[in-house]
Amino acid sequence: INAEYMGARQTHRPPSPLPTESDSLLDWQRRQQSYMPEVQHNEGLIAERQQGIQKVESTLTEVAEIMKQMAGMLQEQGEGLELIEVSVGQTLKETQGANRELEAAAHTQRRSRKLMCWVLIFVVGVIGTFIVYFSVM
């Protein structure tokens, strides 16, 4: 289309808006009418280009809106990731605290078990002593 437009533009000269002294009014009108198809063709090309420009403008507007939406989504996701990071940090601290409490509980349980064994040995010893004492008597 562009080559047609440029070729047509270079080949023909636009008619003079006013008739020259050597032209008769009828010749001038005929010459102007002979250029009408070219003028109409050029107007069609201009309209096509204007529509193309409007399409590009519309597409660019849509792309800009999509980019804004993506930026908003990325910001929201970033905030979500920050919250997840904080939660993971808190969970790690709480898990470490729970491990310390479990170790303390296990230590206390082992100590209680040892104490129960010593108490049982003592009770068996006392009962054994009473049995021996009363059986000898």
C-alpha atoms as a PDB file:
ATOM      1  CA  ILE A   1       0.000   0.000   0.000  1.00  0.00           C
ATOM      2  CA  ASN A   2       2.784   2.404   0.906  1.00  0.00           C
ATOM      3  CA  ALA A   3       4.580   1.767  -2.424  1.00  0.00           C
ATOM      4  CA  GLU A   4       1.323   2.433  -4.310  1.00  0.00           C
ATOM      5  CA  TYR A   5       0.842   5.645  -2.412  1.00  0.00           C
ATOM      6  CA  MET A   6       4.405   6.822  -2.997  1.00  0.00           C
ATOM      7  CA  GLY A   7       4.295   5.825  -6.691  1.00  0.00           C
ATOM      8  CA  ALA A   8       1.021   7.629  -7.231  1.00  0.00           C
ATOM      9  CA  ARG A   9       2.325  10.653  -5.441  1.00  0.00           C
ATOM     10  CA  GLN A  10       5.478  10.854  -7.534  1.00  0.00           C
ATOM     11  CA  THR A  11       3.750  10.195 -10.861  1.00  0.00           C
ATOM     12  CA  HIS A  12       0.971  12.753 -10.591  1.00  0.00           C
ATOM     13  CA  ARG A  13       1.031  16.315  -9.537  1.00  0.00           C
ATOM     14  CA  PRO A  14      -2.017  17.615  -7.747  1.00  0.00           C
ATOM     15  CA  PRO A  15      -4.093  19.963  -9.829  1.00  0.00           C
ATOM     16  CA  SER A  16      -3.754  23.615  -9.240  1.00  0.00           C
ATOM     17  CA  PRO A  17      -6.606  24.908  -7.140  1.00  0.00           C
ATOM     18  CA  LEU A  18      -7.109  27.721  -9.608  1.00  0.00           C
ATOM     19  CA  PRO A  19      -7.022  27.580 -13.352  1.00  0.00           C
ATOM     20  CA  THR A  20      -3.950  29.101 -14.961  1.00  0.00           C
ATOM     21  CA  GLU A  21      -4.196  31.691 -17.713  1.00  0.00           C
ATOM     22  CA  SER A  22      -3.579  29.079 -20.413  1.00  0.00           C
ATOM     23  CA  ASP A  23      -6.347  26.780 -19.074  1.00  0.00           C
ATOM     24  CA  SER A  24      -9.939  27.129 -19.890  1.00  0.00           C
ATOM     25  CA  LEU A  25     -12.344  26.533 -17.058  1.00  0.00           C
ATOM     26  CA  LEU A  26     -13.585  23.360 -18.727  1.00  0.00           C
ATOM     27  CA  ASP A  27     -10.053  21.943 -19.128  1.00  0.00           C
ATOM     28  CA  TRP A  28      -9.271  22.726 -15.541  1.00  0.00           C
ATOM     29  CA  GLN A  29     -12.474  20.993 -14.314  1.00  0.00           C
ATOM     30  CA  ARG A  30     -11.736  17.913 -16.428  1.00  0.00           C
ATOM     31  CA  ARG A  31      -8.218  17.750 -15.073  1.00  0.00           C
ATOM     32  CA  GLN A  32      -9.521  18.009 -11.512  1.00  0.00           C
ATOM     33  CA  GLN A  33     -12.058  15.255 -12.169  1.00  0.00           C
ATOM     34  CA  SER A  34      -9.315  13.045 -13.603  1.00  0.00           C
ATOM     35  CA  TYR A  35      -7.535  13.281 -10.261  1.00  0.00           C
ATOM     36  CA  MET A  36     -10.633  12.341  -8.258  1.00  0.00           C
ATOM     37  CA  PRO A  37      -9.990   8.550  -8.335  1.00  0.00           C
ATOM     38  CA  GLU A  38      -6.460   9.179  -7.059  1.00  0.00           C
ATOM     39  CA  VAL A  39      -7.737  11.533  -4.363  1.00  0.00           C
ATOM     40  CA  GLN A  40     -10.353   8.983  -3.309  1.00  0.00           C
ATOM     41  CA  HIS A  41      -7.700   6.258  -3.285  1.00  0.00           C
ATOM     42  CA  ASN A  42      -5.408   8.437  -1.158  1.00  0.00           C
ATOM     43  CA  GLU A  43      -8.264   9.247   1.205  1.00  0.00           C
ATOM     44  CA  GLY A  44      -8.902   5.499   1.528  1.00  0.00           C
ATOM     45  CA  LEU A  45      -5.231   4.935   2.351  1.00  0.00           C
ATOM     46  CA  ILE A  46      -5.342   7.696   4.943  1.00  0.00           C
ATOM     47  CA  ALA A  47      -8.459   6.179   6.510  1.00  0.00           C
ATOM     48  CA  GLU A  48      -6.786   2.725   6.595  1.00  0.00           C
ATOM     49  CA  ARG A  49      -3.700   4.157   8.261  1.00  0.00           C
ATOM     50  CA  GLN A  50      -5.808   6.048  10.768  1.00  0.00           C
ATOM     51  CA  GLN A  51      -7.662   2.831  11.631  1.00  0.00           C
ATOM     52  CA  GLY A  52      -4.341   1.027  11.963  1.00  0.00           C
ATOM     53  CA  ILE A  53      -3.013   3.728  14.264  1.00  0.00           C
ATOM     54  CA  GLN A  54      -6.169   3.543  16.371  1.00  0.00           C
ATOM     55  CA  LYS A  55      -5.799  -0.252  16.607  1.00  0.00           C
ATOM     56  CA  VAL A  56      -2.183   0.125  17.726  1.00  0.00           C
ATOM     57  CA  GLU A  57      -3.208   2.758  20.261  1.00  0.00           C
ATOM     58  CA  SER A  58      -5.979   0.499  21.588  1.00  0.00           C
ATOM     59  CA  THR A  59      -3.604  -2.450  21.798  1.00  0.00           C
ATOM     60  CA  LEU A  60      -1.010  -0.373  23.638  1.00  0.00           C
ATOM     61  CA  THR A  61      -3.673   0.788  26.085  1.00  0.00           C
ATOM     62  CA  GLU A  62      -4.673  -2.838  26.700  1.00  0.00           C
ATOM     63  CA  VAL A  63      -1.038  -3.852  27.197  1.00  0.00           C
ATOM     64  CA  ALA A  64      -0.532  -0.983  29.653  1.00  0.00           C
ATOM     65  CA  GLU A  65      -3.599  -2.107  31.623  1.00  0.00           C
ATOM     66  CA  ILE A  66      -2.358  -5.701  31.680  1.00  0.00           C
ATOM     67  CA  MET A  67       1.042  -4.521  32.899  1.00  0.00           C
ATOM     68  CA  LYS A  68      -0.624  -2.514  35.700  1.00  0.00           C
ATOM     69  CA  GLN A  69      -2.621  -5.578  36.722  1.00  0.00           C
ATOM     70  CA  MET A  70       0.516  -7.736  36.696  1.00  0.00           C
ATOM     71  CA  ALA A  71       2.366  -5.175  38.812  1.00  0.00           C
ATOM     72  CA  GLY A  72      -0.476  -5.250  41.334  1.00  0.00           C
ATOM     73  CA  MET A  73      -0.469  -9.047  41.383  1.00  0.00           C
ATOM     74  CA  LEU A  74       3.290  -9.139  41.859  1.00  0.00           C
ATOM     75  CA  GLN A  75       3.038  -6.685  44.732  1.00  0.00           C
ATOM     76  CA  GLU A  76       0.336  -8.800  46.374  1.00  0.00           C
ATOM     77  CA  GLN A  77       2.405 -11.945  45.899  1.00  0.00           C
ATOM     78  CA  GLY A  78       5.444 -10.193  47.338  1.00  0.00           C
ATOM     79  CA  GLU A  79       3.457  -9.264  50.427  1.00  0.00           C
ATOM     80  CA  GLY A  80       2.218 -12.856  50.661  1.00  0.00           C
ATOM     81  CA  LEU A  81       5.766 -14.164  50.386  1.00  0.00           C
ATOM     82  CA  GLU A  82       6.900 -11.805  53.130  1.00  0.00           C
ATOM     83  CA  LEU A  83       4.121 -13.106  55.388  1.00  0.00           C
ATOM     84  CA  ILE A  84       5.112 -16.687  54.607  1.00  0.00           C
ATOM     85  CA  GLU A  85       8.744 -15.885  55.385  1.00  0.00           C
ATOM     86  CA  VAL A  86       7.784 -14.365  58.747  1.00  0.00           C
ATOM     87  CA  SER A  87       5.568 -17.364  59.517  1.00  0.00           C
ATOM     88  CA  VAL A  88       8.357 -19.802  58.662  1.00  0.00           C
ATOM     89  CA  GLY A  89      10.735 -17.888  60.948  1.00  0.00           C
ATOM     90  CA  GLN A  90       8.220 -17.985  63.803  1.00  0.00           C
ATOM     91  CA  THR A  91       7.567 -21.680  63.214  1.00  0.00           C
ATOM     92  CA  LEU A  92      11.302 -22.389  63.331  1.00  0.00           C
ATOM     93  CA  LYS A  93      11.654 -20.565  66.658  1.00  0.00           C
ATOM     94  CA  GLU A  94       8.638 -22.338  68.119  1.00  0.00           C
ATOM     95  CA  THR A  95       9.873 -25.719  66.894  1.00  0.00           C
ATOM     96  CA  GLN A  96      13.270 -25.130  68.476  1.00  0.00           C
ATOM     97  CA  GLY A  97      11.540 -24.193  71.746  1.00  0.00           C
ATOM     98  CA  ALA A  98       9.398 -27.320  71.555  1.00  0.00           C
ATOM     99  CA  ASN A  99      12.526 -29.459  71.002  1.00  0.00           C
ATOM    100  CA  ARG A 100      14.118 -27.961  74.127  1.00  0.00           C
ATOM    101  CA  GLU A 101      10.957 -28.689  76.126  1.00  0.00           C
ATOM    102  CA  LEU A 102      10.870 -32.280  74.827  1.00  0.00           C
ATOM    103  CA  GLU A 103      14.515 -32.792  75.798  1.00  0.00           C
ATOM    104  CA  ALA A 104      13.785 -31.407  79.288  1.00  0.00           C
ATOM    105  CA  ALA A 105      10.734 -33.672  79.586  1.00  0.00           C
ATOM    106  CA  ALA A 106      12.756 -36.709  78.487  1.00  0.00           C
ATOM    107  CA  HIS A 107      15.462 -35.853  81.038  1.00  0.00           C
ATOM    108  CA  THR A 108      12.838 -35.460  83.780  1.00  0.00           C
ATOM    109  CA  GLN A 109      11.220 -38.745  82.788  1.00  0.00           C
ATOM    110  CA  ARG A 110      14.569 -40.592  82.940  1.00  0.00           C
ATOM    111  CA  ARG A 111      15.260 -39.074  86.350  1.00  0.00           C
ATOM    112  CA  SER A 112      11.764 -40.033  87.564  1.00  0.00           C
ATOM    113  CA  ARG A 113      12.285 -43.588  86.295  1.00  0.00           C
ATOM    114  CA  LYS A 114      15.588 -43.848  88.186  1.00  0.00           C
ATOM    115  CA  LEU A 115      13.924 -42.491  91.320  1.00  0.00           C
ATOM    116  CA  MET A 116      11.069 -44.995  90.984  1.00  0.00           C
ATOM    117  CA  CYS A 117      13.626 -47.823  90.635  1.00  0.00           C
ATOM    118  CA  TRP A 118      15.423 -46.664  93.784  1.00  0.00           C
ATOM    119  CA  VAL A 119      12.111 -46.339  95.658  1.00  0.00           C
ATOM    120  CA  LEU A 120      11.092 -49.842  94.503  1.00  0.00           C
ATOM    121  CA  ILE A 121      14.465 -51.264  95.578  1.00  0.00           C
ATOM    122  CA  PHE A 122      14.099 -49.525  98.941  1.00  0.00           C
ATOM    123  CA  VAL A 123      10.518 -50.824  99.429  1.00  0.00           C
ATOM    124  CA  VAL A 124      11.539 -54.371  98.420  1.00  0.00           C
ATOM    125  CA  GLY A 125      14.488 -54.091 100.809  1.00  0.00           C
ATOM    126  CA  VAL A 126      12.277 -52.912 103.676  1.00  0.00           C
ATOM    127  CA  ILE A 127       9.709 -55.648 102.981  1.00  0.00           C
ATOM    128  CA  GLY A 128      12.501 -58.212 102.687  1.00  0.00           C
ATOM    129  CA  THR A 129      13.946 -57.027 105.976  1.00  0.00           C
ATOM    130  CA  PHE A 130      10.544 -57.319 107.676  1.00  0.00           C
ATOM    131  CA  ILE A 131      10.032 -60.793 106.227  1.00  0.00           C
ATOM    132  CA  VAL A 132      13.440 -61.934 107.395  1.00  0.00           C
ATOM    133  CA  TYR A 133      12.997 -60.290 110.790  1.00  0.00           C
ATOM    134  CA  PHE A 134       9.570 -61.813 111.372  1.00  0.00           C
ATOM    135  CA  SER A 135      10.482 -65.200 109.969  1.00  0.00           C
ATOM    136  CA  VAL A 136      13.443 -65.455 112.298  1.00  0.00           C
ATOM    137  CA  MET A 137      11.372 -64.634 115.278  1.00  0.00           C
END
